[in-house]
Every structure is written in structure tokens, then in C-alpha cells.
Full PDB file with SEQRES, HELIX, SHEET, SSBOND, CRYST1, ORIGX, SCALE, CONECT and MASTER records, all heavy atoms in Angstrom:
SEQRES   1 A   42  GLY ASP SER THR THR ALA THR PRO GLU ALA ALA LEU ALA          
SEQRES   2 A   42  GLY ALA HIS TRP LEU GLU GLY GLN LEU ARG ASP GLY VAL          
SEQRES   3 A   42  LEU TYR ASN GLU GLN TYR LYS THR ASP ASP TYR SER THR          
SEQRES   4 A   42  THR VAL ASP                                                  
HELIX    1 AA1 GLU A    9  GLY A   20  1                                  12    
HELIX    2 AA2 TYR A   37  VAL A   41  1                                   5    
SHEET    1 AA1 3 LEU A  22  ARG A  23  0                                        
SHEET    2 AA1 3 VAL A  26  ASN A  29 -1                                        
SHEET    3 AA1 3 THR A  34  ASP A  36 -1                                        
CRYST1    1.000    1.000    1.000  90.00  90.00  90.00 P 1           1          
ORIGX1      1.000000  0.000000  0.000000        0.00000                         
ORIGX2      0.000000  1.000000  0.000000        0.00000                         
ORIGX3      0.000000  0.000000  1.000000        0.00000                         
SCALE1      1.000000  0.000000  0.000000        0.00000                         
SCALE2      0.000000  1.000000  0.000000        0.00000                         
SCALE3      0.000000  0.000000  1.000000        0.00000                         
ATOM      1  N   GLY A   1      65.347  76.374 144.151  1.00  0.00           N  
ATOM      2  CA  GLY A   1      64.177  76.944 144.819  1.00  0.00           C  
ATOM      3  C   GLY A   1      64.330  76.948 146.324  1.00  0.00           C  
ATOM      4  O   GLY A   1      65.346  77.327 146.875  1.00  0.00           O  
ATOM      5  N   ASP A   2      63.314  76.493 146.985  1.00  0.00           N  
ATOM      6  CA  ASP A   2      63.290  76.440 148.438  1.00  0.00           C  
ATOM      7  C   ASP A   2      63.887  75.124 148.905  1.00  0.00           C  
ATOM      8  O   ASP A   2      63.346  74.054 148.660  1.00  0.00           O  
ATOM      9  CB  ASP A   2      61.837  76.559 148.917  1.00  0.00           C  
ATOM     10  CG  ASP A   2      61.723  76.549 150.432  1.00  0.00           C  
ATOM     11  OD1 ASP A   2      62.761  76.409 151.092  1.00  0.00           O  
ATOM     12  OD2 ASP A   2      60.601  76.692 150.937  1.00  0.00           O  
ATOM     13  N   SER A   3      65.017  75.175 149.574  1.00  0.00           N  
ATOM     14  CA  SER A   3      65.715  73.956 149.976  1.00  0.00           C  
ATOM     15  C   SER A   3      64.946  73.151 150.999  1.00  0.00           C  
ATOM     16  O   SER A   3      65.277  72.002 151.270  1.00  0.00           O  
ATOM     17  CB  SER A   3      67.101  74.314 150.543  1.00  0.00           C  
ATOM     18  OG  SER A   3      66.967  75.132 151.691  1.00  0.00           O  
ATOM     19  N   THR A   4      63.897  73.742 151.579  1.00  0.00           N  
ATOM     20  CA  THR A   4      63.105  73.006 152.557  1.00  0.00           C  
ATOM     21  C   THR A   4      61.993  72.195 151.896  1.00  0.00           C  
ATOM     22  O   THR A   4      61.329  71.409 152.552  1.00  0.00           O  
ATOM     23  CB  THR A   4      62.472  73.977 153.573  1.00  0.00           C  
ATOM     24  OG1 THR A   4      61.552  74.839 152.886  1.00  0.00           O  
ATOM     25  CG2 THR A   4      63.535  74.820 154.255  1.00  0.00           C  
ATOM     26  N   THR A   5      61.781  72.393 150.594  1.00  0.00           N  
ATOM     27  CA  THR A   5      60.736  71.674 149.886  1.00  0.00           C  
ATOM     28  C   THR A   5      61.162  70.232 149.656  1.00  0.00           C  
ATOM     29  O   THR A   5      62.234  69.973 149.122  1.00  0.00           O  
ATOM     30  CB  THR A   5      60.434  72.345 148.538  1.00  0.00           C  
ATOM     31  OG1 THR A   5      60.029  73.693 148.770  1.00  0.00           O  
ATOM     32  CG2 THR A   5      59.335  71.599 147.792  1.00  0.00           C  
ATOM     33  N   ALA A   6      60.318  69.299 150.017  1.00  0.00           N  
ATOM     34  CA  ALA A   6      60.641  67.883 149.853  1.00  0.00           C  
ATOM     35  C   ALA A   6      60.633  67.506 148.379  1.00  0.00           C  
ATOM     36  O   ALA A   6      59.842  68.022 147.590  1.00  0.00           O  
ATOM     37  CB  ALA A   6      59.627  67.037 150.618  1.00  0.00           C  
ATOM     38  N   THR A   7      61.519  66.608 148.009  1.00  0.00           N  
ATOM     39  CA  THR A   7      61.548  66.109 146.644  1.00  0.00           C  
ATOM     40  C   THR A   7      60.253  65.346 146.365  1.00  0.00           C  
ATOM     41  O   THR A   7      59.861  64.487 147.152  1.00  0.00           O  
ATOM     42  CB  THR A   7      62.755  65.174 146.445  1.00  0.00           C  
ATOM     43  OG1 THR A   7      63.954  65.887 146.737  1.00  0.00           O  
ATOM     44  CG2 THR A   7      62.817  64.671 145.012  1.00  0.00           C  
ATOM     45  N   PRO A   8      59.580  65.622 145.257  1.00  0.00           N  
ATOM     46  CA  PRO A   8      58.329  64.927 144.959  1.00  0.00           C  
ATOM     47  C   PRO A   8      58.504  63.412 144.918  1.00  0.00           C  
ATOM     48  O   PRO A   8      59.519  62.902 144.424  1.00  0.00           O  
ATOM     49  CB  PRO A   8      57.946  65.479 143.579  1.00  0.00           C  
ATOM     50  CG  PRO A   8      58.603  66.822 143.510  1.00  0.00           C  
ATOM     51  CD  PRO A   8      59.903  66.652 144.245  1.00  0.00           C  
ATOM     52  N   GLU A   9      57.511  62.701 145.425  1.00  0.00           N  
ATOM     53  CA  GLU A   9      57.565  61.242 145.427  1.00  0.00           C  
ATOM     54  C   GLU A   9      57.674  60.683 144.014  1.00  0.00           C  
ATOM     55  O   GLU A   9      58.304  59.647 143.792  1.00  0.00           O  
ATOM     56  CB  GLU A   9      56.326  60.675 146.128  1.00  0.00           C  
ATOM     57  CG  GLU A   9      56.317  60.867 147.635  1.00  0.00           C  
ATOM     58  CD  GLU A   9      57.464  60.123 148.321  1.00  0.00           C  
ATOM     59  OE1 GLU A   9      57.818  59.018 147.854  1.00  0.00           O  
ATOM     60  OE2 GLU A   9      58.010  60.654 149.291  1.00  0.00           O  
ATOM     61  N   ALA A  10      57.058  61.351 143.053  1.00  0.00           N  
ATOM     62  CA  ALA A  10      57.136  60.890 141.667  1.00  0.00           C  
ATOM     63  C   ALA A  10      58.580  60.881 141.181  1.00  0.00           C  
ATOM     64  O   ALA A  10      59.016  59.948 140.480  1.00  0.00           O  
ATOM     65  CB  ALA A  10      56.286  61.794 140.773  1.00  0.00           C  
ATOM     66  N   ALA A  11      59.344  61.908 141.543  1.00  0.00           N  
ATOM     67  CA  ALA A  11      60.749  61.969 141.140  1.00  0.00           C  
ATOM     68  C   ALA A  11      61.571  60.890 141.826  1.00  0.00           C  
ATOM     69  O   ALA A  11      62.417  60.233 141.208  1.00  0.00           O  
ATOM     70  CB  ALA A  11      61.320  63.354 141.447  1.00  0.00           C  
ATOM     71  N   LEU A  12      61.326  60.672 143.100  1.00  0.00           N  
ATOM     72  CA  LEU A  12      62.060  59.634 143.831  1.00  0.00           C  
ATOM     73  C   LEU A  12      61.743  58.251 143.277  1.00  0.00           C  
ATOM     74  O   LEU A  12      62.632  57.384 143.199  1.00  0.00           O  
ATOM     75  CB  LEU A  12      61.716  59.709 145.316  1.00  0.00           C  
ATOM     76  CG  LEU A  12      62.207  60.952 146.057  1.00  0.00           C  
ATOM     77  CD1 LEU A  12      61.659  60.972 147.482  1.00  0.00           C  
ATOM     78  CD2 LEU A  12      63.733  60.992 146.076  1.00  0.00           C  
ATOM     79  N   ALA A  13      60.486  58.018 142.889  1.00  0.00           N  
ATOM     80  CA  ALA A  13      60.112  56.727 142.324  1.00  0.00           C  
ATOM     81  C   ALA A  13      60.850  56.473 141.015  1.00  0.00           C  
ATOM     82  O   ALA A  13      61.317  55.351 140.748  1.00  0.00           O  
ATOM     83  CB  ALA A  13      58.602  56.668 142.095  1.00  0.00           C  
ATOM     84  N   GLY A  14      60.983  57.504 140.198  1.00  0.00           N  
ATOM     85  CA  GLY A  14      61.718  57.362 138.951  1.00  0.00           C  
ATOM     86  C   GLY A  14      63.185  57.080 139.178  1.00  0.00           C  
ATOM     87  O   GLY A  14      63.800  56.265 138.479  1.00  0.00           O  
ATOM     88  N   ALA A  15      63.769  57.762 140.158  1.00  0.00           N  
ATOM     89  CA  ALA A  15      65.181  57.532 140.478  1.00  0.00           C  
ATOM     90  C   ALA A  15      65.394  56.106 140.960  1.00  0.00           C  
ATOM     91  O   ALA A  15      66.374  55.449 140.597  1.00  0.00           O  
ATOM     92  CB  ALA A  15      65.640  58.532 141.537  1.00  0.00           C  
ATOM     93  N   HIS A  16      64.463  55.621 141.772  1.00  0.00           N  
ATOM     94  CA  HIS A  16      64.563  54.248 142.286  1.00  0.00           C  
ATOM     95  C   HIS A  16      64.507  53.242 141.136  1.00  0.00           C  
ATOM     96  O   HIS A  16      65.267  52.263 141.118  1.00  0.00           O  
ATOM     97  CB  HIS A  16      63.438  53.987 143.278  1.00  0.00           C  
ATOM     98  CG  HIS A  16      63.439  52.603 143.855  1.00  0.00           C  
ATOM     99  ND1 HIS A  16      64.364  52.178 144.779  1.00  0.00           N  
ATOM    100  CD2 HIS A  16      62.619  51.537 143.611  1.00  0.00           C  
ATOM    101  CE1 HIS A  16      64.127  50.909 145.087  1.00  0.00           C  
ATOM    102  NE2 HIS A  16      63.074  50.499 144.386  1.00  0.00           N  
ATOM    103  N   TRP A  17      63.625  53.481 140.172  1.00  0.00           N  
ATOM    104  CA  TRP A  17      63.537  52.563 139.036  1.00  0.00           C  
ATOM    105  C   TRP A  17      64.825  52.577 138.222  1.00  0.00           C  
ATOM    106  O   TRP A  17      65.330  51.531 137.831  1.00  0.00           O  
ATOM    107  CB  TRP A  17      62.352  52.940 138.139  1.00  0.00           C  
ATOM    108  CG  TRP A  17      62.168  51.971 136.998  1.00  0.00           C  
ATOM    109  CD1 TRP A  17      61.536  50.757 137.046  1.00  0.00           C  
ATOM    110  CD2 TRP A  17      62.642  52.127 135.661  1.00  0.00           C  
ATOM    111  NE1 TRP A  17      61.593  50.148 135.811  1.00  0.00           N  
ATOM    112  CE2 TRP A  17      62.258  50.970 134.938  1.00  0.00           C  
ATOM    113  CE3 TRP A  17      63.344  53.134 134.993  1.00  0.00           C  
ATOM    114  CZ2 TRP A  17      62.557  50.797 133.585  1.00  0.00           C  
ATOM    115  CZ3 TRP A  17      63.647  52.959 133.645  1.00  0.00           C  
ATOM    116  CH2 TRP A  17      63.254  51.800 132.959  1.00  0.00           C  
ATOM    117  N   LEU A  18      65.367  53.767 137.981  1.00  0.00           N  
ATOM    118  CA  LEU A  18      66.612  53.864 137.221  1.00  0.00           C  
ATOM    119  C   LEU A  18      67.759  53.141 137.931  1.00  0.00           C  
ATOM    120  O   LEU A  18      68.535  52.416 137.301  1.00  0.00           O  
ATOM    121  CB  LEU A  18      66.980  55.331 137.008  1.00  0.00           C  
ATOM    122  CG  LEU A  18      66.197  56.085 135.933  1.00  0.00           C  
ATOM    123  CD1 LEU A  18      66.596  57.556 135.932  1.00  0.00           C  
ATOM    124  CD2 LEU A  18      66.422  55.476 134.551  1.00  0.00           C  
ATOM    125  N   GLU A  19      67.869  53.348 139.223  1.00  0.00           N  
ATOM    126  CA  GLU A  19      68.930  52.679 139.989  1.00  0.00           C  
ATOM    127  C   GLU A  19      68.810  51.166 139.866  1.00  0.00           C  
ATOM    128  O   GLU A  19      69.823  50.454 139.786  1.00  0.00           O  
ATOM    129  CB  GLU A  19      68.859  53.099 141.456  1.00  0.00           C  
ATOM    130  CG  GLU A  19      69.238  54.547 141.693  1.00  0.00           C  
ATOM    131  CD  GLU A  19      68.831  55.036 143.075  1.00  0.00           C  
ATOM    132  OE1 GLU A  19      67.980  54.391 143.727  1.00  0.00           O  
ATOM    133  OE2 GLU A  19      69.363  56.066 143.513  1.00  0.00           O  
ATOM    134  N   GLY A  20      67.578  50.670 139.826  1.00  0.00           N  
ATOM    135  CA  GLY A  20      67.367  49.234 139.713  1.00  0.00           C  
ATOM    136  C   GLY A  20      67.703  48.675 138.350  1.00  0.00           C  
ATOM    137  O   GLY A  20      67.803  47.443 138.195  1.00  0.00           O  
ATOM    138  N   GLN A  21      67.902  49.537 137.369  1.00  0.00           N  
ATOM    139  CA  GLN A  21      68.265  49.088 136.026  1.00  0.00           C  
ATOM    140  C   GLN A  21      69.763  48.858 135.866  1.00  0.00           C  
ATOM    141  O   GLN A  21      70.204  48.251 134.882  1.00  0.00           O  
ATOM    142  CB  GLN A  21      67.815  50.129 134.987  1.00  0.00           C  
ATOM    143  CG  GLN A  21      66.312  50.351 134.944  1.00  0.00           C  
ATOM    144  CD  GLN A  21      65.555  49.114 134.560  1.00  0.00           C  
ATOM    145  OE1 GLN A  21      65.718  48.581 133.462  1.00  0.00           O  
ATOM    146  NE2 GLN A  21      64.718  48.627 135.458  1.00  0.00           N  
ATOM    147  N   LEU A  22      70.547  49.326 136.818  1.00  0.00           N  
ATOM    148  CA  LEU A  22      72.005  49.210 136.715  1.00  0.00           C  
ATOM    149  C   LEU A  22      72.479  47.795 137.017  1.00  0.00           C  
ATOM    150  O   LEU A  22      71.913  47.086 137.839  1.00  0.00           O  
ATOM    151  CB  LEU A  22      72.673  50.189 137.677  1.00  0.00           C  
ATOM    152  CG  LEU A  22      72.474  51.677 137.381  1.00  0.00           C  
ATOM    153  CD1 LEU A  22      72.908  52.520 138.575  1.00  0.00           C  
ATOM    154  CD2 LEU A  22      73.264  52.083 136.129  1.00  0.00           C  
ATOM    155  N   ARG A  23      73.540  47.425 136.348  1.00  0.00           N  
ATOM    156  CA  ARG A  23      74.214  46.166 136.607  1.00  0.00           C  
ATOM    157  C   ARG A  23      75.689  46.484 136.847  1.00  0.00           C  
ATOM    158  O   ARG A  23      76.412  46.839 135.920  1.00  0.00           O  
ATOM    159  CB  ARG A  23      74.067  45.201 135.423  1.00  0.00           C  
ATOM    160  CG  ARG A  23      74.749  43.859 135.616  1.00  0.00           C  
ATOM    161  CD  ARG A  23      74.739  43.013 134.361  1.00  0.00           C  
ATOM    162  NE  ARG A  23      73.385  42.643 133.937  1.00  0.00           N  
ATOM    163  CZ  ARG A  23      73.141  41.826 132.905  1.00  0.00           C  
ATOM    164  NH1 ARG A  23      74.159  41.345 132.184  1.00  0.00           N  
ATOM    165  NH2 ARG A  23      71.893  41.531 132.586  1.00  0.00           N  
ATOM    166  N   ASP A  24      76.129  46.386 138.089  1.00  0.00           N  
ATOM    167  CA  ASP A  24      77.513  46.750 138.452  1.00  0.00           C  
ATOM    168  C   ASP A  24      77.848  48.165 137.984  1.00  0.00           C  
ATOM    169  O   ASP A  24      78.937  48.433 137.470  1.00  0.00           O  
ATOM    170  CB  ASP A  24      78.513  45.749 137.854  1.00  0.00           C  
ATOM    171  CG  ASP A  24      78.358  44.364 138.441  1.00  0.00           C  
ATOM    172  OD1 ASP A  24      78.028  44.249 139.636  1.00  0.00           O  
ATOM    173  OD2 ASP A  24      78.562  43.381 137.692  1.00  0.00           O  
ATOM    174  N   GLY A  25      76.898  49.090 138.187  1.00  0.00           N  
ATOM    175  CA  GLY A  25      77.157  50.493 137.909  1.00  0.00           C  
ATOM    176  C   GLY A  25      76.952  50.937 136.482  1.00  0.00           C  
ATOM    177  O   GLY A  25      77.211  52.096 136.157  1.00  0.00           O  
ATOM    178  N   VAL A  26      76.480  50.057 135.614  1.00  0.00           N  
ATOM    179  CA  VAL A  26      76.283  50.431 134.206  1.00  0.00           C  
ATOM    180  C   VAL A  26      75.002  49.793 133.694  1.00  0.00           C  
ATOM    181  O   VAL A  26      74.587  48.730 134.164  1.00  0.00           O  
ATOM    182  CB  VAL A  26      77.495  50.003 133.341  1.00  0.00           C  
ATOM    183  CG1 VAL A  26      77.587  48.489 133.224  1.00  0.00           C  
ATOM    184  CG2 VAL A  26      77.463  50.655 131.977  1.00  0.00           C  
ATOM    185  N   LEU A  27      74.368  50.449 132.739  1.00  0.00           N  
ATOM    186  CA  LEU A  27      73.209  49.866 132.079  1.00  0.00           C  
ATOM    187  C   LEU A  27      73.669  48.853 131.042  1.00  0.00           C  
ATOM    188  O   LEU A  27      74.632  49.103 130.302  1.00  0.00           O  
ATOM    189  CB  LEU A  27      72.383  50.957 131.388  1.00  0.00           C  
ATOM    190  CG  LEU A  27      71.685  51.967 132.299  1.00  0.00           C  
ATOM    191  CD1 LEU A  27      71.068  53.094 131.467  1.00  0.00           C  
ATOM    192  CD2 LEU A  27      70.618  51.298 133.154  1.00  0.00           C  
ATOM    193  N   TYR A  28      73.009  47.727 130.996  1.00  0.00           N  
ATOM    194  CA  TYR A  28      73.363  46.685 130.028  1.00  0.00           C  
ATOM    195  C   TYR A  28      72.203  46.499 129.068  1.00  0.00           C  
ATOM    196  O   TYR A  28      71.075  46.247 129.472  1.00  0.00           O  
ATOM    197  CB  TYR A  28      73.656  45.368 130.745  1.00  0.00           C  
ATOM    198  CG  TYR A  28      74.075  44.251 129.806  1.00  0.00           C  
ATOM    199  CD1 TYR A  28      75.337  44.259 129.228  1.00  0.00           C  
ATOM    200  CD2 TYR A  28      73.194  43.213 129.492  1.00  0.00           C  
ATOM    201  CE1 TYR A  28      75.726  43.247 128.356  1.00  0.00           C  
ATOM    202  CE2 TYR A  28      73.576  42.205 128.636  1.00  0.00           C  
ATOM    203  CZ  TYR A  28      74.846  42.225 128.068  1.00  0.00           C  
ATOM    204  OH  TYR A  28      75.221  41.220 127.207  1.00  0.00           O  
ATOM    205  N   ASN A  29      72.470  46.654 127.772  1.00  0.00           N  
ATOM    206  CA  ASN A  29      71.456  46.480 126.749  1.00  0.00           C  
ATOM    207  C   ASN A  29      71.365  45.006 126.394  1.00  0.00           C  
ATOM    208  O   ASN A  29      72.220  44.465 125.692  1.00  0.00           O  
ATOM    209  CB  ASN A  29      71.810  47.308 125.507  1.00  0.00           C  
ATOM    210  CG  ASN A  29      70.690  47.325 124.481  1.00  0.00           C  
ATOM    211  OD1 ASN A  29      70.121  46.296 124.136  1.00  0.00           O  
ATOM    212  ND2 ASN A  29      70.378  48.513 123.980  1.00  0.00           N  
ATOM    213  N   GLU A  30      70.343  44.367 126.926  1.00  0.00           N  
ATOM    214  CA  GLU A  30      70.207  42.925 126.727  1.00  0.00           C  
ATOM    215  C   GLU A  30      69.826  42.572 125.292  1.00  0.00           C  
ATOM    216  O   GLU A  30      70.110  41.467 124.827  1.00  0.00           O  
ATOM    217  CB  GLU A  30      69.169  42.375 127.696  1.00  0.00           C  
ATOM    218  CG  GLU A  30      69.604  42.475 129.157  1.00  0.00           C  
ATOM    219  CD  GLU A  30      68.592  41.889 130.111  1.00  0.00           C  
ATOM    220  OE1 GLU A  30      67.422  41.712 129.701  1.00  0.00           O  
ATOM    221  OE2 GLU A  30      68.958  41.608 131.265  1.00  0.00           O  
ATOM    222  N   GLN A  31      69.210  43.499 124.585  1.00  0.00           N  
ATOM    223  CA  GLN A  31      68.842  43.221 123.201  1.00  0.00           C  
ATOM    224  C   GLN A  31      70.081  43.082 122.321  1.00  0.00           C  
ATOM    225  O   GLN A  31      70.167  42.181 121.477  1.00  0.00           O  
ATOM    226  CB  GLN A  31      67.947  44.335 122.652  1.00  0.00           C  
ATOM    227  CG  GLN A  31      67.477  44.082 121.218  1.00  0.00           C  
ATOM    228  CD  GLN A  31      66.636  45.225 120.672  1.00  0.00           C  
ATOM    229  OE1 GLN A  31      66.516  46.288 121.288  1.00  0.00           O  
ATOM    230  NE2 GLN A  31      66.040  45.013 119.507  1.00  0.00           N  
ATOM    231  N   TYR A  32      71.071  43.968 122.538  1.00  0.00           N  
ATOM    232  CA  TYR A  32      72.276  43.960 121.712  1.00  0.00           C  
ATOM    233  C   TYR A  32      73.508  43.444 122.445  1.00  0.00           C  
ATOM    234  O   TYR A  32      74.621  43.472 121.913  1.00  0.00           O  
ATOM    235  CB  TYR A  32      72.538  45.364 121.161  1.00  0.00           C  
ATOM    236  CG  TYR A  32      71.453  45.831 120.234  1.00  0.00           C  
ATOM    237  CD1 TYR A  32      70.528  46.791 120.644  1.00  0.00           C  
ATOM    238  CD2 TYR A  32      71.326  45.306 118.956  1.00  0.00           C  
ATOM    239  CE1 TYR A  32      69.512  47.214 119.798  1.00  0.00           C  
ATOM    240  CE2 TYR A  32      70.321  45.722 118.101  1.00  0.00           C  
ATOM    241  CZ  TYR A  32      69.409  46.680 118.523  1.00  0.00           C  
ATOM    242  OH  TYR A  32      68.405  47.094 117.679  1.00  0.00           O  
ATOM    243  N   LYS A  33      73.314  42.992 123.676  1.00  0.00           N  
ATOM    244  CA  LYS A  33      74.391  42.382 124.457  1.00  0.00           C  
ATOM    245  C   LYS A  33      75.594  43.308 124.590  1.00  0.00           C  
ATOM    246  O   LYS A  33      76.735  42.937 124.311  1.00  0.00           O  
ATOM    247  CB  LYS A  33      74.833  41.048 123.819  1.00  0.00           C  
ATOM    248  CG  LYS A  33      73.693  40.080 123.520  1.00  0.00           C  
ATOM    249  CD  LYS A  33      72.943  39.672 124.773  1.00  0.00           C  
ATOM    250  CE  LYS A  33      71.835  38.675 124.471  1.00  0.00           C  
ATOM    251  NZ  LYS A  33      71.022  38.334 125.667  1.00  0.00           N  
ATOM    252  N   THR A  34      75.344  44.522 125.043  1.00  0.00           N  
ATOM    253  CA  THR A  34      76.436  45.477 125.203  1.00  0.00           C  
ATOM    254  C   THR A  34      76.135  46.441 126.338  1.00  0.00           C  
ATOM    255  O   THR A  34      74.970  46.705 126.654  1.00  0.00           O  
ATOM    256  CB  THR A  34      76.660  46.271 123.893  1.00  0.00           C  
ATOM    257  OG1 THR A  34      77.804  47.112 124.029  1.00  0.00           O  
ATOM    258  CG2 THR A  34      75.449  47.119 123.560  1.00  0.00           C  
ATOM    259  N   ASP A  35      77.172  46.980 126.941  1.00  0.00           N  
ATOM    260  CA  ASP A  35      77.001  47.994 127.976  1.00  0.00           C  
ATOM    261  C   ASP A  35      76.622  49.323 127.334  1.00  0.00           C  
ATOM    262  O   ASP A  35      77.182  49.715 126.303  1.00  0.00           O  
ATOM    263  CB  ASP A  35      78.298  48.171 128.778  1.00  0.00           C  
ATOM    264  CG  ASP A  35      78.595  46.981 129.669  1.00  0.00           C  
ATOM    265  OD1 ASP A  35      77.649  46.374 130.188  1.00  0.00           O  
ATOM    266  OD2 ASP A  35      79.788  46.652 129.839  1.00  0.00           O  
ATOM    267  N   ASP A  36      75.689  50.021 127.941  1.00  0.00           N  
ATOM    268  CA  ASP A  36      75.210  51.303 127.429  1.00  0.00           C  
ATOM    269  C   ASP A  36      75.749  52.412 128.335  1.00  0.00           C  
ATOM    270  O   ASP A  36      75.082  52.877 129.251  1.00  0.00           O  
ATOM    271  CB  ASP A  36      73.685  51.309 127.409  1.00  0.00           C  
ATOM    272  CG  ASP A  36      73.103  52.606 126.845  1.00  0.00           C  
ATOM    273  OD1 ASP A  36      73.885  53.505 126.482  1.00  0.00           O  
ATOM    274  OD2 ASP A  36      71.865  52.710 126.792  1.00  0.00           O  
ATOM    275  N   TYR A  37      76.976  52.839 128.022  1.00  0.00           N  
ATOM    276  CA  TYR A  37      77.634  53.843 128.853  1.00  0.00           C  
ATOM    277  C   TYR A  37      77.013  55.224 128.676  1.00  0.00           C  
ATOM    278  O   TYR A  37      76.934  56.005 129.634  1.00  0.00           O  
ATOM    279  CB  TYR A  37      79.120  53.910 128.519  1.00  0.00           C  
ATOM    280  CG  TYR A  37      79.890  52.684 128.925  1.00  0.00           C  
ATOM    281  CD1 TYR A  37      80.289  51.736 127.981  1.00  0.00           C  
ATOM    282  CD2 TYR A  37      80.236  52.465 130.255  1.00  0.00           C  
ATOM    283  CE1 TYR A  37      80.996  50.609 128.350  1.00  0.00           C  
ATOM    284  CE2 TYR A  37      80.939  51.333 130.642  1.00  0.00           C  
ATOM    285  CZ  TYR A  37      81.320  50.405 129.683  1.00  0.00           C  
ATOM    286  OH  TYR A  37      82.011  49.287 130.054  1.00  0.00           O  
ATOM    287  N   SER A  38      76.577  55.550 127.471  1.00  0.00           N  
ATOM    288  CA  SER A  38      76.037  56.882 127.219  1.00  0.00           C  
ATOM    289  C   SER A  38      74.787  57.145 128.057  1.00  0.00           C  
ATOM    290  O   SER A  38      74.691  58.172 128.742  1.00  0.00           O  
ATOM    291  CB  SER A  38      75.704  57.040 125.735  1.00  0.00           C  
ATOM    292  OG  SER A  38      75.241  58.350 125.470  1.00  0.00           O  
ATOM    293  N   THR A  39      73.829  56.219 128.025  1.00  0.00           N  
ATOM    294  CA  THR A  39      72.622  56.412 128.821  1.00  0.00           C  
ATOM    295  C   THR A  39      72.929  56.321 130.308  1.00  0.00           C  
ATOM    296  O   THR A  39      72.238  56.926 131.129  1.00  0.00           O  
ATOM    297  CB  THR A  39      71.542  55.380 128.431  1.00  0.00           C  
ATOM    298  OG1 THR A  39      71.358  55.404 127.016  1.00  0.00           O  
ATOM    299  CG2 THR A  39      70.210  55.697 129.101  1.00  0.00           C  
ATOM    300  N   THR A  40      73.996  55.598 130.658  1.00  0.00           N  
ATOM    301  CA  THR A  40      74.406  55.533 132.060  1.00  0.00           C  
ATOM    302  C   THR A  40      74.804  56.916 132.575  1.00  0.00           C  
ATOM    303  O   THR A  40      74.483  57.283 133.708  1.00  0.00           O  
ATOM    304  CB  THR A  40      75.566  54.544 132.251  1.00  0.00           C  
ATOM    305  OG1 THR A  40      75.157  53.234 131.844  1.00  0.00           O  
ATOM    306  CG2 THR A  40      76.012  54.495 133.705  1.00  0.00           C  
ATOM    307  N   VAL A  41      75.491  57.696 131.750  1.00  0.00           N  
ATOM    308  CA  VAL A  41      75.837  59.066 132.146  1.00  0.00           C  
ATOM    309  C   VAL A  41      74.567  59.891 132.327  1.00  0.00           C  
ATOM    310  O   VAL A  41      74.416  60.619 133.317  1.00  0.00           O  
ATOM    311  CB  VAL A  41      76.769  59.726 131.116  1.00  0.00           C  
ATOM    312  CG1 VAL A  41      77.055  61.182 131.524  1.00  0.00           C  
ATOM    313  CG2 VAL A  41      78.075  58.965 130.990  1.00  0.00           C  
ATOM    314  N   ASP A  42      73.639  59.774 131.375  1.00  0.00           N  
ATOM    315  CA  ASP A  42      72.369  60.496 131.504  1.00  0.00           C  
ATOM    316  C   ASP A  42      71.652  60.089 132.793  1.00  0.00           C  
ATOM    317  O   ASP A  42      71.088  60.932 133.504  1.00  0.00           O  
ATOM    318  CB  ASP A  42      71.471  60.196 130.307  1.00  0.00           C  
ATOM    319  CG  ASP A  42      72.049  60.688 128.994  1.00  0.00           C  
ATOM    320  OD1 ASP A  42      72.833  61.653 129.022  1.00  0.00           O  
ATOM    321  OD2 ASP A  42      71.724  60.101 127.951  1.00  0.00           O  
TER     322      ASP A  42                                                      
MASTER        0    0    0    2    3    0    0    6  321    1    0    4          
END                                                                             
């Protein structure tokens, strides 16, 4: 669209939450004690 349009705060908040879920660059599934590479790509 218009490159001058600011990214919505709602989208930035979601990105911030996702970034905070990473552990050394990958999501870790604490329930099953394994790295979740597939959702990390998403």
C-alpha cells in the first residue's frame, strides 16, 4: 500500500510478544520439552 502509512500499534505489539517467546532464536515447547522449529518459521 502506501509506504508512508505507519505500522499499526496492534501489529507491533503482537510482534513484540512473539519476539519475547524466543529462546536463543527458537521457540521452545515447555510442555513437551522440545524446540518448535516449524512455528519458529511462521
